[in-house]
Amino acid sequence: MERNDDRQLWDLLGSSHVPDPSPFFSRNVLRRLREESFSRPVLRGWLSWRRLLPVSGLVAATAAIFVAYTVSSPRPPAGDDPIAKIDAQDYEVVADLDNLLASEDNNLWDENPSL
């Protein structure tokens, strides 16, 4: 488009105000470019102190509770096992008791309200 084609348009464009960039325009543009080019990787974000400290505290507390629970849980000595003390003749009685208890559990669900 030549100036002679549309004289009014060129006169209007010539009389318009040209904005002045701020004195720090180039500095701000370069700073934005550096920020975008050096974006943090995902793993580095997770290893920041703001996240690492609470997570490590939670892991340490969970480990301490687990250790305290396993150390303080009562375990019967190997010689005090009541099953090991049963004689060979008593195995039949124990088996009958198991059957009796199983039948009693089933009787709870019977429709006989007289019990």
Protein backbone atom coordinates (compact mmCIF):
# COMPACT_ATOMS: atom_id res chain seq x y z
CA MET A 1 0.00 0.00 0.00
CA GLU A 2 1.45 3.32 -1.01
CA ARG A 3 0.98 6.62 0.71
CA ASN A 4 -0.94 8.08 -2.22
CA ASP A 5 -3.56 5.28 -2.18
CA ASP A 6 -5.20 6.29 1.09
CA ARG A 7 -3.97 9.69 2.19
CA GLN A 8 -6.42 10.05 5.11
CA LEU A 9 -5.27 6.77 6.66
CA TRP A 10 -1.62 7.73 6.48
CA ASP A 11 -2.36 11.16 7.96
CA LEU A 12 -4.25 9.49 10.82
CA LEU A 13 -1.41 7.04 11.44
CA GLY A 14 1.14 9.85 11.37
CA SER A 15 -0.73 11.87 13.99
CA SER A 16 -1.23 8.98 16.44
CA HIS A 17 0.72 8.80 19.69
CA VAL A 18 3.62 6.31 19.73
CA PRO A 19 3.87 4.54 23.11
CA ASP A 20 7.23 4.78 24.81
CA PRO A 21 8.51 1.52 26.33
CA SER A 22 9.56 1.61 29.95
CA PRO A 23 13.27 1.99 30.66
CA PHE A 24 13.31 -1.57 32.07
CA PHE A 25 11.46 -3.19 29.16
CA SER A 26 14.42 -5.20 27.84
CA ARG A 27 15.39 -6.33 31.34
CA ASN A 28 11.86 -7.56 32.07
CA VAL A 29 11.61 -9.42 28.77
CA LEU A 30 14.94 -11.19 29.33
CA ARG A 31 13.98 -12.11 32.89
CA ARG A 32 10.74 -13.70 31.68
CA LEU A 33 12.62 -15.66 29.04
CA ARG A 34 15.10 -16.98 31.60
CA GLU A 35 12.29 -18.01 33.96
CA GLU A 36 10.55 -19.99 31.24
CA SER A 37 13.72 -21.63 29.95
CA PHE A 38 14.90 -22.70 33.42
CA SER A 39 11.65 -24.16 34.65
CA ARG A 40 12.11 -26.57 37.52
CA PRO A 41 11.81 -30.29 36.89
CA VAL A 42 9.05 -32.14 38.73
CA LEU A 43 11.40 -34.18 40.91
CA ARG A 44 13.27 -31.10 42.06
CA GLY A 45 10.01 -29.56 43.25
CA TRP A 46 9.34 -32.58 45.47
CA LEU A 47 12.80 -32.38 47.02
CA SER A 48 12.33 -28.89 48.39
CA TRP A 49 12.69 -28.36 52.13
CA ARG A 50 9.07 -27.29 52.48
CA ARG A 51 7.88 -30.73 51.44
CA LEU A 52 10.80 -32.91 52.47
CA LEU A 53 10.81 -31.93 56.15
CA PRO A 54 7.16 -32.77 56.97
CA VAL A 55 7.24 -36.00 54.97
CA SER A 56 10.43 -37.19 56.66
CA GLY A 57 8.92 -36.34 60.06
CA LEU A 58 5.84 -38.40 59.24
CA VAL A 59 7.96 -41.34 58.10
CA ALA A 60 10.07 -41.18 61.27
CA ALA A 61 6.98 -41.05 63.50
CA THR A 62 5.41 -44.02 61.68
CA ALA A 63 8.63 -46.03 62.01
CA ALA A 64 8.86 -45.19 65.73
CA ILE A 65 5.27 -46.31 66.35
CA PHE A 66 5.87 -49.53 64.42
CA VAL A 67 9.04 -50.31 66.37
CA ALA A 68 7.41 -49.49 69.71
CA TYR A 69 4.43 -51.70 68.91
CA THR A 70 6.49 -54.70 67.81
CA VAL A 71 8.87 -54.47 70.76
CA SER A 72 6.16 -54.09 73.40
CA SER A 73 3.73 -56.71 72.06
CA PRO A 74 3.52 -59.64 74.50
CA ARG A 75 4.63 -62.98 73.08
CA PRO A 76 4.21 -66.17 75.03
CA PRO A 77 7.38 -68.19 75.53
CA ALA A 78 7.73 -71.30 73.39
CA GLY A 79 7.29 -73.63 76.37
CA ASP A 80 3.96 -72.12 77.53
CA ASP A 81 1.99 -73.10 74.41
CA PRO A 82 -1.32 -74.64 75.67
CA ILE A 83 -1.74 -76.72 72.52
CA ALA A 84 1.62 -78.39 73.08
CA LYS A 85 0.54 -79.50 76.59
CA ILE A 86 -2.41 -81.61 75.34
CA ASP A 87 -1.87 -85.34 75.63
CA ALA A 88 -2.54 -87.67 72.74
CA GLN A 89 -5.70 -89.05 74.45
CA ASP A 90 -7.15 -85.57 74.80
CA TYR A 91 -7.14 -84.86 71.06
CA GLU A 92 -10.48 -86.64 70.65
CA VAL A 93 -12.03 -84.53 73.41
CA VAL A 94 -10.71 -81.32 71.84
CA ALA A 95 -12.10 -82.33 68.45
CA ASP A 96 -15.50 -83.06 70.05
CA LEU A 97 -15.43 -79.66 71.79
CA ASP A 98 -14.78 -77.94 68.47
CA ASN A 99 -17.76 -79.72 66.93
CA LEU A 100 -19.95 -78.83 69.93
CA LEU A 101 -18.99 -75.16 69.75
CA ALA A 102 -19.67 -75.09 66.01
CA SER A 103 -23.12 -76.58 66.53
CA GLU A 104 -23.88 -74.04 69.27
CA ASP A 105 -22.98 -71.20 66.93
CA ASN A 106 -25.40 -72.57 64.35
CA ASN A 107 -28.17 -72.87 66.97
CA LEU A 108 -28.10 -69.12 67.56
CA TRP A 109 -29.65 -68.61 64.16
CA ASP A 110 -32.44 -71.19 64.55
CA GLU A 111 -36.01 -69.97 64.64
CA ASN A 112 -36.72 -71.53 68.02
CA PRO A 113 -37.37 -68.58 70.41
CA SER A 114 -37.71 -70.83 73.49
CA LEU A 115 -33.95 -70.83 74.12
